């Protein structure tokens, strides 16, 4: 699996508008063929960085998804809303690949006094 890692620079005064934009993708992305790993908004630290992570089997699957997304009426409306409200100041994409055996591992129960 590859991941489309999207780094957003957002207007910190429009954090909730970005969150609504992200929630809408929660319906659109899976329908268009992406495995939505999640959207993340600032909480502690930076107040202007947000992220979206979407998984695909390959770059070819990503390209097919992009074509479906461009044709999707709800996707078009979500893009238009973002352009109209201008809460996304910058957007960058990269495509990292997960290192096998390191993704989505659950935490082990921590016992007080146990060695780390």
PDB file of N, CA and C in Angstrom:
ATOM      1  N   UNK A   1       0.834  -1.179   0.000  1.00  0.00           N
ATOM      2  CA  UNK A   1       0.000   0.000   0.000  1.00  0.00           C
ATOM      3  C   UNK A   1       0.879   1.244   0.000  1.00  0.00           C
ATOM      4  N   UNK A   2       0.442   2.244  -0.743  1.00  0.00           N
ATOM      5  CA  UNK A   2       1.072   3.560  -0.675  1.00  0.00           C
ATOM      6  C   UNK A   2       0.079   4.501   0.005  1.00  0.00           C
ATOM      7  N   UNK A   3       0.585   5.568   0.550  1.00  0.00           N
ATOM      8  CA  UNK A   3      -0.265   6.544   1.219  1.00  0.00           C
ATOM      9  C   UNK A   3      -0.091   7.897   0.563  1.00  0.00           C
ATOM     10  N   UNK A   4      -1.203   8.517   0.223  1.00  0.00           N
ATOM     11  CA  UNK A   4      -1.173   9.903  -0.221  1.00  0.00           C
ATOM     12  C   UNK A   4      -1.195  10.731   1.066  1.00  0.00           C
ATOM     13  N   UNK A   5      -0.063  11.330   1.369  1.00  0.00           N
ATOM     14  CA  UNK A   5       0.099  12.135   2.584  1.00  0.00           C
ATOM     15  C   UNK A   5      -0.052  13.589   2.163  1.00  0.00           C
ATOM     16  N   UNK A   6      -1.144  14.216   2.582  1.00  0.00           N
ATOM     17  CA  UNK A   6      -1.423  15.600   2.205  1.00  0.00           C
ATOM     18  C   UNK A   6      -1.167  16.498   3.409  1.00  0.00           C
ATOM     19  N   UNK A   7      -0.270  17.441   3.228  1.00  0.00           N
ATOM     20  CA  UNK A   7       0.018  18.427   4.268  1.00  0.00           C
ATOM     21  C   UNK A   7      -0.653  19.723   3.852  1.00  0.00           C
ATOM     22  N   UNK A   8      -1.491  20.227   4.734  1.00  0.00           N
ATOM     23  CA  UNK A   8      -2.201  21.475   4.482  1.00  0.00           C
ATOM     24  C   UNK A   8      -1.662  22.570   5.388  1.00  0.00           C
ATOM     25  N   UNK A   9      -1.550  23.754   4.856  1.00  0.00           N
ATOM     26  CA  UNK A   9      -1.379  24.944   5.673  1.00  0.00           C
ATOM     27  C   UNK A   9      -2.743  25.621   5.637  1.00  0.00           C
ATOM     28  N   UNK A  10      -3.365  25.755   6.817  1.00  0.00           N
ATOM     29  CA  UNK A  10      -4.718  26.301   6.873  1.00  0.00           C
ATOM     30  C   UNK A  10      -4.733  27.631   7.614  1.00  0.00           C
ATOM     31  N   UNK A  11      -5.780  28.396   7.370  1.00  0.00           N
ATOM     32  CA  UNK A  11      -6.020  29.627   8.115  1.00  0.00           C
ATOM     33  C   UNK A  11      -6.425  29.207   9.532  1.00  0.00           C
ATOM     34  N   UNK A  12      -5.623  29.531  10.548  1.00  0.00           N
ATOM     35  CA  UNK A  12      -5.939  29.065  11.899  1.00  0.00           C
ATOM     36  C   UNK A  12      -7.274  29.594  12.433  1.00  0.00           C
ATOM     37  N   UNK A  13      -7.776  30.658  11.862  1.00  0.00           N
ATOM     38  CA  UNK A  13      -9.053  31.206  12.294  1.00  0.00           C
ATOM     39  C   UNK A  13     -10.232  30.503  11.627  1.00  0.00           C
ATOM     40  N   UNK A  14      -9.926  29.584  10.691  1.00  0.00           N
ATOM     41  CA  UNK A  14     -10.971  28.825  10.011  1.00  0.00           C
ATOM     42  C   UNK A  14     -10.786  27.318  10.212  1.00  0.00           C
ATOM     43  N   UNK A  15     -10.259  26.953  11.369  1.00  0.00           N
ATOM     44  CA  UNK A  15     -10.014  25.546  11.693  1.00  0.00           C
ATOM     45  C   UNK A  15     -11.286  24.714  11.554  1.00  0.00           C
ATOM     46  N   UNK A  16     -12.415  25.222  12.039  1.00  0.00           N
ATOM     47  CA  UNK A  16     -13.671  24.468  11.980  1.00  0.00           C
ATOM     48  C   UNK A  16     -14.159  24.313  10.540  1.00  0.00           C
ATOM     49  N   UNK A  17     -13.935  25.297   9.695  1.00  0.00           N
ATOM     50  CA  UNK A  17     -14.311  25.169   8.282  1.00  0.00           C
ATOM     51  C   UNK A  17     -13.501  24.049   7.632  1.00  0.00           C
ATOM     52  N   UNK A  18     -12.206  23.966   7.965  1.00  0.00           N
ATOM     53  CA  UNK A  18     -11.392  22.877   7.433  1.00  0.00           C
ATOM     54  C   UNK A  18     -11.888  21.539   7.969  1.00  0.00           C
ATOM     55  N   UNK A  19     -12.249  21.479   9.252  1.00  0.00           N
ATOM     56  CA  UNK A  19     -12.744  20.226   9.836  1.00  0.00           C
ATOM     57  C   UNK A  19     -14.016  19.764   9.124  1.00  0.00           C
ATOM     58  N   UNK A  20     -14.887  20.687   8.781  1.00  0.00           N
ATOM     59  CA  UNK A  20     -16.109  20.329   8.045  1.00  0.00           C
ATOM     60  C   UNK A  20     -15.755  19.802   6.652  1.00  0.00           C
ATOM     61  N   UNK A  21     -14.811  20.444   5.996  1.00  0.00           N
ATOM     62  CA  UNK A  21     -14.302  19.992   4.699  1.00  0.00           C
ATOM     63  C   UNK A  21     -13.792  18.556   4.823  1.00  0.00           C
ATOM     64  N   UNK A  22     -13.020  18.280   5.850  1.00  0.00           N
ATOM     65  CA  UNK A  22     -12.471  16.941   6.072  1.00  0.00           C
ATOM     66  C   UNK A  22     -13.586  15.925   6.334  1.00  0.00           C
ATOM     67  N   UNK A  23     -14.575  16.286   7.163  1.00  0.00           N
ATOM     68  CA  UNK A  23     -15.679  15.370   7.451  1.00  0.00           C
ATOM     69  C   UNK A  23     -16.420  14.984   6.168  1.00  0.00           C
ATOM     70  N   UNK A  24     -16.583  15.932   5.257  1.00  0.00           N
ATOM     71  CA  UNK A  24     -17.253  15.631   3.988  1.00  0.00           C
ATOM     72  C   UNK A  24     -16.469  14.603   3.175  1.00  0.00           C
ATOM     73  N   UNK A  25     -15.130  14.691   3.223  1.00  0.00           N
ATOM     74  CA  UNK A  25     -14.313  13.705   2.515  1.00  0.00           C
ATOM     75  C   UNK A  25     -14.524  12.305   3.090  1.00  0.00           C
ATOM     76  N   UNK A  26     -14.950  12.220   4.341  1.00  0.00           N
ATOM     77  CA  UNK A  26     -15.202  10.921   4.967  1.00  0.00           C
ATOM     78  C   UNK A  26     -16.237  10.082   4.231  1.00  0.00           C
ATOM     79  N   UNK A  27     -17.133  10.717   3.510  1.00  0.00           N
ATOM     80  CA  UNK A  27     -18.117  10.009   2.686  1.00  0.00           C
ATOM     81  C   UNK A  27     -17.637   9.860   1.250  1.00  0.00           C
ATOM     82  N   UNK A  28     -16.973  10.879   0.749  1.00  0.00           N
ATOM     83  CA  UNK A  28     -16.617  10.948  -0.672  1.00  0.00           C
ATOM     84  C   UNK A  28     -15.432  10.043  -1.015  1.00  0.00           C
ATOM     85  N   UNK A  29     -14.376  10.115  -0.241  1.00  0.00           N
ATOM     86  CA  UNK A  29     -13.136   9.379  -0.551  1.00  0.00           C
ATOM     87  C   UNK A  29     -13.365   7.878  -0.653  1.00  0.00           C
ATOM     88  N   UNK A  30     -13.986   7.228   0.355  1.00  0.00           N
ATOM     89  CA  UNK A  30     -14.199   5.780   0.222  1.00  0.00           C
ATOM     90  C   UNK A  30     -15.069   5.408  -0.985  1.00  0.00           C
ATOM     91  N   UNK A  31     -16.079   6.225  -1.269  1.00  0.00           N
ATOM     92  CA  UNK A  31     -16.950   5.952  -2.414  1.00  0.00           C
ATOM     93  C   UNK A  31     -16.178   6.013  -3.734  1.00  0.00           C
ATOM     94  N   UNK A  32     -15.148   6.859  -3.783  1.00  0.00           N
ATOM     95  CA  UNK A  32     -14.359   7.011  -5.016  1.00  0.00           C
ATOM     96  C   UNK A  32     -13.171   6.056  -5.080  1.00  0.00           C
ATOM     97  N   UNK A  33     -12.989   5.223  -4.042  1.00  0.00           N
ATOM     98  CA  UNK A  33     -11.967   4.185  -4.105  1.00  0.00           C
ATOM     99  C   UNK A  33     -10.737   4.386  -3.248  1.00  0.00           C
ATOM    100  N   UNK A  34     -10.715   5.422  -2.409  1.00  0.00           N
ATOM    101  CA  UNK A  34      -9.575   5.625  -1.509  1.00  0.00           C
ATOM    102  C   UNK A  34      -9.841   5.018  -0.145  1.00  0.00           C
ATOM    103  N   UNK A  35      -8.803   4.536   0.499  1.00  0.00           N
ATOM    104  CA  UNK A  35      -8.897   4.012   1.871  1.00  0.00           C
ATOM    105  C   UNK A  35      -8.535   5.168   2.800  1.00  0.00           C
ATOM    106  N   UNK A  36      -9.549   5.829   3.349  1.00  0.00           N
ATOM    107  CA  UNK A  36      -9.308   7.008   4.179  1.00  0.00           C
ATOM    108  C   UNK A  36      -8.726   6.589   5.519  1.00  0.00           C
ATOM    109  N   UNK A  37      -7.468   6.980   5.740  1.00  0.00           N
ATOM    110  CA  UNK A  37      -6.797   6.689   7.006  1.00  0.00           C
ATOM    111  C   UNK A  37      -7.105   7.767   8.038  1.00  0.00           C
ATOM    112  N   UNK A  38      -7.400   8.979   7.581  1.00  0.00           N
ATOM    113  CA  UNK A  38      -7.827  10.017   8.502  1.00  0.00           C
ATOM    114  C   UNK A  38      -7.398  11.404   8.089  1.00  0.00           C
ATOM    115  N   UNK A  39      -8.123  12.383   8.604  1.00  0.00           N
ATOM    116  CA  UNK A  39      -7.765  13.795   8.517  1.00  0.00           C
ATOM    117  C   UNK A  39      -7.449  14.251   9.924  1.00  0.00           C
ATOM    118  N   UNK A  40      -6.500  15.161  10.039  1.00  0.00           N
ATOM    119  CA  UNK A  40      -6.034  15.630  11.338  1.00  0.00           C
ATOM    120  C   UNK A  40      -5.945  17.150  11.329  1.00  0.00           C
ATOM    121  N   UNK A  41      -6.482  17.784  12.382  1.00  0.00           N
ATOM    122  CA  UNK A  41      -6.434  19.244  12.515  1.00  0.00           C
ATOM    123  C   UNK A  41      -5.534  19.596  13.697  1.00  0.00           C
ATOM    124  N   UNK A  42      -5.055  20.831  13.753  1.00  0.00           N
ATOM    125  CA  UNK A  42      -4.194  21.244  14.856  1.00  0.00           C
ATOM    126  C   UNK A  42      -4.886  21.087  16.211  1.00  0.00           C
ATOM    127  N   UNK A  43      -4.103  20.641  17.171  1.00  0.00           N
ATOM    128  CA  UNK A  43      -4.608  20.512  18.544  1.00  0.00           C
ATOM    129  C   UNK A  43      -3.633  21.157  19.520  1.00  0.00           C
ATOM    130  N   UNK A  44      -2.423  20.672  19.543  1.00  0.00           N
ATOM    131  CA  UNK A  44      -1.339  21.255  20.345  1.00  0.00           C
ATOM    132  C   UNK A  44      -0.213  21.616  19.388  1.00  0.00           C
ATOM    133  N   UNK A  45       0.562  22.601  19.732  1.00  0.00           N
ATOM    134  CA  UNK A  45       1.678  23.002  18.872  1.00  0.00           C
ATOM    135  C   UNK A  45       1.196  23.924  17.774  1.00  0.00           C
ATOM    136  N   UNK A  46       1.576  23.625  16.551  1.00  0.00           N
ATOM    137  CA  UNK A  46       1.221  24.450  15.401  1.00  0.00           C
ATOM    138  C   UNK A  46      -0.291  24.636  15.311  1.00  0.00           C
ATOM    139  N   UNK A  47      -0.704  25.846  14.954  1.00  0.00           N
ATOM    140  CA  UNK A  47      -2.138  26.089  14.786  1.00  0.00           C
ATOM    141  C   UNK A  47      -2.533  26.210  13.314  1.00  0.00           C
ATOM    142  N   UNK A  48      -1.610  25.900  12.410  1.00  0.00           N
ATOM    143  CA  UNK A  48      -1.893  26.086  10.989  1.00  0.00           C
ATOM    144  C   UNK A  48      -1.599  24.857  10.134  1.00  0.00           C
ATOM    145  N   UNK A  49      -1.144  23.752  10.706  1.00  0.00           N
ATOM    146  CA  UNK A  49      -0.856  22.544   9.931  1.00  0.00           C
ATOM    147  C   UNK A  49      -1.940  21.504  10.149  1.00  0.00           C
ATOM    148  N   UNK A  50      -2.442  20.958   9.044  1.00  0.00           N
ATOM    149  CA  UNK A  50      -3.405  19.865   9.084  1.00  0.00           C
ATOM    150  C   UNK A  50      -2.935  18.805   8.089  1.00  0.00           C
ATOM    151  N   UNK A  51      -3.448  17.591   8.239  1.00  0.00           N
ATOM    152  CA  UNK A  51      -3.016  16.493   7.371  1.00  0.00           C
ATOM    153  C   UNK A  51      -4.186  15.633   6.966  1.00  0.00           C
ATOM    154  N   UNK A  52      -4.068  15.052   5.789  1.00  0.00           N
ATOM    155  CA  UNK A  52      -4.984  14.028   5.322  1.00  0.00           C
ATOM    156  C   UNK A  52      -4.162  12.851   4.834  1.00  0.00           C
ATOM    157  N   UNK A  53      -4.566  11.633   5.192  1.00  0.00           N
ATOM    158  CA  UNK A  53      -3.857  10.420   4.775  1.00  0.00           C
ATOM    159  C   UNK A  53      -4.852   9.475   4.116  1.00  0.00           C
ATOM    160  N   UNK A  54      -4.534   9.088   2.872  1.00  0.00           N
ATOM    161  CA  UNK A  54      -5.409   8.222   2.094  1.00  0.00           C
ATOM    162  C   UNK A  54      -4.562   7.104   1.501  1.00  0.00           C
ATOM    163  N   UNK A  55      -4.977   5.855   1.717  1.00  0.00           N
ATOM    164  CA  UNK A  55      -4.219   4.710   1.232  1.00  0.00           C
ATOM    165  C   UNK A  55      -4.728   4.192  -0.110  1.00  0.00           C
ATOM    166  N   UNK A  56      -3.779   3.672  -0.899  1.00  0.00           N
ATOM    167  CA  UNK A  56      -4.091   3.086  -2.212  1.00  0.00           C
ATOM    168  C   UNK A  56      -3.197   1.873  -2.425  1.00  0.00           C
ATOM    169  N   UNK A  57      -3.679   0.945  -3.242  1.00  0.00           N
ATOM    170  CA  UNK A  57      -2.886  -0.242  -3.557  1.00  0.00           C
ATOM    171  C   UNK A  57      -1.680   0.087  -4.420  1.00  0.00           C
ATOM    172  N   UNK A  58      -1.794   1.157  -5.234  1.00  0.00           N
ATOM    173  CA  UNK A  58      -0.718   1.511  -6.155  1.00  0.00           C
ATOM    174  C   UNK A  58      -0.941   2.936  -6.649  1.00  0.00           C
ATOM    175  N   UNK A  59       0.060   3.485  -7.357  1.00  0.00           N
ATOM    176  CA  UNK A  59      -0.119   4.803  -7.972  1.00  0.00           C
ATOM    177  C   UNK A  59      -1.188   4.750  -9.063  1.00  0.00           C
ATOM    178  N   UNK A  60      -1.315   3.616  -9.746  1.00  0.00           N
ATOM    179  CA  UNK A  60      -2.368   3.466 -10.757  1.00  0.00           C
ATOM    180  C   UNK A  60      -3.752   3.542 -10.102  1.00  0.00           C
ATOM    181  N   UNK A  61      -3.913   2.931  -8.930  1.00  0.00           N
ATOM    182  CA  UNK A  61      -5.183   3.011  -8.199  1.00  0.00           C
ATOM    183  C   UNK A  61      -5.457   4.444  -7.772  1.00  0.00           C
ATOM    184  N   UNK A  62      -4.411   5.167  -7.401  1.00  0.00           N
ATOM    185  CA  UNK A  62      -4.560   6.586  -7.042  1.00  0.00           C
ATOM    186  C   UNK A  62      -5.035   7.401  -8.242  1.00  0.00           C
ATOM    187  N   UNK A  63      -4.453   7.169  -9.400  1.00  0.00           N
ATOM    188  CA  UNK A  63      -4.848   7.904 -10.602  1.00  0.00           C
ATOM    189  C   UNK A  63      -6.305   7.621 -10.963  1.00  0.00           C
ATOM    190  N   UNK A  64      -6.747   6.366 -10.841  1.00  0.00           N
ATOM    191  CA  UNK A  64      -8.141   6.021 -11.124  1.00  0.00           C
ATOM    192  C   UNK A  64      -9.063   6.719 -10.118  1.00  0.00           C
ATOM    193  N   UNK A  65      -8.660   6.758  -8.865  1.00  0.00           N
ATOM    194  CA  UNK A  65      -9.407   7.458  -7.815  1.00  0.00           C
ATOM    195  C   UNK A  65      -9.537   8.938  -8.149  1.00  0.00           C
ATOM    196  N   UNK A  66      -8.448   9.560  -8.573  1.00  0.00           N
ATOM    197  CA  UNK A  66      -8.479  10.992  -8.904  1.00  0.00           C
ATOM    198  C   UNK A  66      -9.473  11.278 -10.032  1.00  0.00           C
ATOM    199  N   UNK A  67      -9.535  10.398 -11.021  1.00  0.00           N
ATOM    200  CA  UNK A  67     -10.497  10.573 -12.115  1.00  0.00           C
ATOM    201  C   UNK A  67     -11.932  10.473 -11.588  1.00  0.00           C
ATOM    202  N   UNK A  68     -12.208   9.486 -10.733  1.00  0.00           N
ATOM    203  CA  UNK A  68     -13.549   9.355 -10.153  1.00  0.00           C
ATOM    204  C   UNK A  68     -13.877  10.555  -9.268  1.00  0.00           C
ATOM    205  N   UNK A  69     -12.900  11.034  -8.524  1.00  0.00           N
ATOM    206  CA  UNK A  69     -13.103  12.176  -7.633  1.00  0.00           C
ATOM    207  C   UNK A  69     -13.463  13.437  -8.422  1.00  0.00           C
ATOM    208  N   UNK A  70     -12.762  13.675  -9.531  1.00  0.00           N
ATOM    209  CA  UNK A  70     -13.051  14.852 -10.367  1.00  0.00           C
ATOM    210  C   UNK A  70     -14.465  14.812 -10.942  1.00  0.00           C
ATOM    211  N   UNK A  71     -15.011  13.610 -11.163  1.00  0.00           N
ATOM    212  CA  UNK A  71     -16.350  13.466 -11.731  1.00  0.00           C
ATOM    213  C   UNK A  71     -17.447  13.425 -10.665  1.00  0.00           C
ATOM    214  N   UNK A  72     -17.075  13.324  -9.405  1.00  0.00           N
ATOM    215  CA  UNK A  72     -18.046  13.168  -8.322  1.00  0.00           C
ATOM    216  C   UNK A  72     -18.667  14.526  -7.947  1.00  0.00           C
ATOM    217  N   UNK A  73     -20.006  14.670  -8.029  1.00  0.00           N
ATOM    218  CA  UNK A  73     -20.635  15.961  -7.715  1.00  0.00           C
ATOM    219  C   UNK A  73     -20.355  16.453  -6.291  1.00  0.00           C
ATOM    220  N   UNK A  74     -20.375  15.557  -5.305  1.00  0.00           N
ATOM    221  CA  UNK A  74     -20.087  15.981  -3.926  1.00  0.00           C
ATOM    222  C   UNK A  74     -18.622  16.381  -3.775  1.00  0.00           C
ATOM    223  N   UNK A  75     -17.728  15.680  -4.466  1.00  0.00           N
ATOM    224  CA  UNK A  75     -16.317  16.046  -4.445  1.00  0.00           C
ATOM    225  C   UNK A  75     -16.100  17.418  -5.062  1.00  0.00           C
ATOM    226  N   UNK A  76     -16.753  17.665  -6.185  1.00  0.00           N
ATOM    227  CA  UNK A  76     -16.658  18.974  -6.840  1.00  0.00           C
ATOM    228  C   UNK A  76     -17.168  20.074  -5.913  1.00  0.00           C
ATOM    229  N   UNK A  77     -18.290  19.813  -5.227  1.00  0.00           N
ATOM    230  CA  UNK A  77     -18.863  20.809  -4.313  1.00  0.00           C
ATOM    231  C   UNK A  77     -17.930  21.071  -3.132  1.00  0.00           C
ATOM    232  N   UNK A  78     -17.262  20.025  -2.635  1.00  0.00           N
ATOM    233  CA  UNK A  78     -16.348  20.211  -1.498  1.00  0.00           C
ATOM    234  C   UNK A  78     -15.124  21.036  -1.909  1.00  0.00           C
ATOM    235  N   UNK A  79     -14.572  20.738  -3.093  1.00  0.00           N
ATOM    236  CA  UNK A  79     -13.467  21.552  -3.607  1.00  0.00           C
ATOM    237  C   UNK A  79     -13.896  23.009  -3.775  1.00  0.00           C
ATOM    238  N   UNK A  80     -15.098  23.216  -4.324  1.00  0.00           N
ATOM    239  CA  UNK A  80     -15.597  24.573  -4.556  1.00  0.00           C
ATOM    240  C   UNK A  80     -15.772  25.328  -3.242  1.00  0.00           C
ATOM    241  N   UNK A  81     -16.283  24.653  -2.221  1.00  0.00           N
ATOM    242  CA  UNK A  81     -16.456  25.274  -0.909  1.00  0.00           C
ATOM    243  C   UNK A  81     -15.106  25.725  -0.348  1.00  0.00           C
ATOM    244  N   UNK A  82     -14.089  24.884  -0.483  1.00  0.00           N
ATOM    245  CA  UNK A  82     -12.754  25.233   0.012  1.00  0.00           C
ATOM    246  C   UNK A  82     -12.191  26.442  -0.735  1.00  0.00           C
ATOM    247  N   UNK A  83     -12.394  26.490  -2.033  1.00  0.00           N
ATOM    248  CA  UNK A  83     -11.910  27.628  -2.818  1.00  0.00           C
ATOM    249  C   UNK A  83     -12.656  28.905  -2.449  1.00  0.00           C
ATOM    250  N   UNK A  84     -13.940  28.788  -2.245  1.00  0.00           N
ATOM    251  CA  UNK A  84     -14.746  29.962  -1.915  1.00  0.00           C
ATOM    252  C   UNK A  84     -14.388  30.518  -0.532  1.00  0.00           C
ATOM    253  N   UNK A  85     -14.226  29.641   0.457  1.00  0.00           N
ATOM    254  CA  UNK A  85     -13.961  30.095   1.826  1.00  0.00           C
ATOM    255  C   UNK A  85     -12.480  30.376   2.091  1.00  0.00           C
ATOM    256  N   UNK A  86     -11.605  29.852   1.247  1.00  0.00           N
ATOM    257  CA  UNK A  86     -10.162  30.114   1.303  1.00  0.00           C
ATOM    258  C   UNK A  86      -9.509  29.782   2.648  1.00  0.00           C
ATOM    259  N   UNK A  87      -9.887  28.668   3.232  1.00  0.00           N
ATOM    260  CA  UNK A  87      -9.263  28.261   4.494  1.00  0.00           C
ATOM    261  C   UNK A  87      -8.013  27.418   4.271  1.00  0.00           C
ATOM    262  N   UNK A  88      -7.805  26.915   3.051  1.00  0.00           N
ATOM    263  CA  UNK A  88      -6.571  26.198   2.724  1.00  0.00           C
ATOM    264  C   UNK A  88      -5.641  27.199   2.041  1.00  0.00           C
ATOM    265  N   UNK A  89      -4.496  27.460   2.685  1.00  0.00           N
ATOM    266  CA  UNK A  89      -3.537  28.420   2.159  1.00  0.00           C
ATOM    267  C   UNK A  89      -2.496  27.747   1.268  1.00  0.00           C
ATOM    268  N   UNK A  90      -2.216  26.467   1.572  1.00  0.00           N
ATOM    269  CA  UNK A  90      -1.204  25.717   0.820  1.00  0.00           C
ATOM    270  C   UNK A  90      -1.481  24.237   0.997  1.00  0.00           C
ATOM    271  N   UNK A  91      -1.141  23.461  -0.026  1.00  0.00           N
ATOM    272  CA  UNK A  91      -1.380  22.021   0.000  1.00  0.00           C
ATOM    273  C   UNK A  91      -0.218  21.314  -0.685  1.00  0.00           C
ATOM    274  N   UNK A  92       0.331  20.294  -0.038  1.00  0.00           N
ATOM    275  CA  UNK A  92       1.447  19.513  -0.600  1.00  0.00           C
ATOM    276  C   UNK A  92       1.107  18.034  -0.497  1.00  0.00           C
ATOM    277  N   UNK A  93       1.481  17.264  -1.510  1.00  0.00           N
ATOM    278  CA  UNK A  93       1.263  15.810  -1.489  1.00  0.00           C
ATOM    279  C   UNK A  93       2.589  15.074  -1.611  1.00  0.00           C
ATOM    280  N   UNK A  94       2.695  13.989  -0.864  1.00  0.00           N
ATOM    281  CA  UNK A  94       3.804  13.053  -1.050  1.00  0.00           C
ATOM    282  C   UNK A  94       3.217  11.648  -0.920  1.00  0.00           C
ATOM    283  N   UNK A  95       3.995  10.651  -1.355  1.00  0.00           N
ATOM    284  CA  UNK A  95       3.491   9.286  -1.426  1.00  0.00           C
ATOM    285  C   UNK A  95       4.436   8.311  -0.723  1.00  0.00           C
ATOM    286  N   UNK A  96       4.459   8.330   0.603  1.00  0.00           N
ATOM    287  CA  UNK A  96       5.316   7.373   1.310  1.00  0.00           C
ATOM    288  C   UNK A  96       4.704   5.969   1.276  1.00  0.00           C
ATOM    289  N   UNK A  97       5.558   4.991   1.477  1.00  0.00           N
ATOM    290  CA  UNK A  97       5.134   3.592   1.528  1.00  0.00           C
ATOM    291  C   UNK A  97       5.398   3.095   2.947  1.00  0.00           C
ATOM    292  N   UNK A  98       4.439   2.386   3.513  1.00  0.00           N
ATOM    293  CA  UNK A  98       4.572   1.898   4.887  1.00  0.00           C
ATOM    294  C   UNK A  98       5.680   0.847   4.978  1.00  0.00           C
ATOM    295  N   UNK A  99       6.410   0.868   6.066  1.00  0.00           N
ATOM    296  CA  UNK A  99       7.403  -0.162   6.353  1.00  0.00           C
ATOM    297  C   UNK A  99       6.638  -1.320   6.996  1.00  0.00           C
ATOM    298  N   UNK A 100       6.678  -2.460   6.337  1.00  0.00           N
ATOM    299  CA  UNK A 100       5.926  -3.619   6.819  1.00  0.00           C
ATOM    300  C   UNK A 100       6.269  -3.919   8.278  1.00  0.00           C
ATOM    301  N   UNK A 101       5.246  -4.215   9.039  1.00  0.00           N
ATOM    302  CA  UNK A 101       5.426  -4.544  10.450  1.00  0.00           C
ATOM    303  C   UNK A 101       5.428  -3.341  11.375  1.00  0.00           C
ATOM    304  N   UNK A 102       5.178  -2.130  10.823  1.00  0.00           N
ATOM    305  CA  UNK A 102       5.219  -0.935  11.669  1.00  0.00           C
ATOM    306  C   UNK A 102       3.925  -0.133  11.653  1.00  0.00           C
ATOM    307  N   UNK A 103       2.927  -0.554  10.893  1.00  0.00           N
ATOM    308  CA  UNK A 103       1.730   0.262  10.720  1.00  0.00           C
ATOM    309  C   UNK A 103       0.588  -0.226  11.597  1.00  0.00           C
ATOM    310  N   UNK A 104      -0.025   0.696  12.303  1.00  0.00           N
ATOM    311  CA  UNK A 104      -1.249   0.466  13.062  1.00  0.00           C
ATOM    312  C   UNK A 104      -1.090  -0.627  14.116  1.00  0.00           C
ATOM    313  N   UNK A 105      -0.016  -0.576  14.850  1.00  0.00           N
ATOM    314  CA  UNK A 105       0.215  -1.544  15.916  1.00  0.00           C
ATOM    315  C   UNK A 105      -0.445  -1.039  17.203  1.00  0.00           C
ATOM    316  N   UNK A 106      -1.190  -1.895  17.896  1.00  0.00           N
ATOM    317  CA  UNK A 106      -1.834  -1.454  19.131  1.00  0.00           C
ATOM    318  C   UNK A 106      -0.814  -1.280  20.262  1.00  0.00           C
ATOM    319  N   UNK A 107      -1.156  -0.424  21.187  1.00  0.00           N
ATOM    320  CA  UNK A 107      -0.309  -0.231  22.373  1.00  0.00           C
ATOM    321  C   UNK A 107      -0.440  -1.453  23.277  1.00  0.00           C
ATOM    322  N   UNK A 108       0.649  -1.789  23.943  1.00  0.00           N
ATOM    323  CA  UNK A 108       0.601  -2.863  24.942  1.00  0.00           C
ATOM    324  C   UNK A 108       0.188  -2.243  26.265  1.00  0.00           C
ATOM    325  N   UNK A 109      -0.440  -3.029  27.085  1.00  0.00           N
ATOM    326  CA  UNK A 109      -0.822  -2.538  28.421  1.00  0.00           C
ATOM    327  C   UNK A 109       0.448  -2.213  29.188  1.00  0.00           C
ATOM    328  N   UNK A 110       0.463  -1.066  29.796  1.00  0.00           N
ATOM    329  CA  UNK A 110       1.620  -0.638  30.568  1.00  0.00           C
ATOM    330  C   UNK A 110       1.355  -0.955  32.020  1.00  0.00           C
ATOM    331  N   UNK A 111       2.322  -1.601  32.658  1.00  0.00           N
ATOM    332  CA  UNK A 111       2.190  -1.952  34.065  1.00  0.00           C
ATOM    333  C   UNK A 111       3.179  -1.100  34.831  1.00  0.00           C
ATOM    334  N   UNK A 112       2.695  -0.384  35.844  1.00  0.00           N
ATOM    335  CA  UNK A 112       3.567   0.488  36.631  1.00  0.00           C
ATOM    336  C   UNK A 112       4.690  -0.321  37.257  1.00  0.00           C
ATOM    337  N   UNK A 113       5.879   0.199  37.121  1.00  0.00           N
ATOM    338  CA  UNK A 113       7.056  -0.454  37.667  1.00  0.00           C
ATOM    339  C   UNK A 113       7.723  -1.427  36.720  1.00  0.00           C
ATOM    340  N   UNK A 114       7.074  -1.734  35.587  1.00  0.00           N
ATOM    341  CA  UNK A 114       7.659  -2.662  34.621  1.00  0.00           C
ATOM    342  C   UNK A 114       8.719  -1.949  33.822  1.00  0.00           C
ATOM    343  N   UNK A 115       9.769  -2.655  33.394  1.00  0.00           N
ATOM    344  CA  UNK A 115      10.800  -1.996  32.568  1.00  0.00           C
ATOM    345  C   UNK A 115      10.218  -1.559  31.232  1.00  0.00           C
ATOM    346  N   UNK A 116      10.766  -0.495  30.704  1.00  0.00           N
ATOM    347  CA  UNK A 116      10.281   0.059  29.422  1.00  0.00           C
ATOM    348  C   UNK A 116      10.755  -0.742  28.255  1.00  0.00           C
TER     349      UNK A 116
END
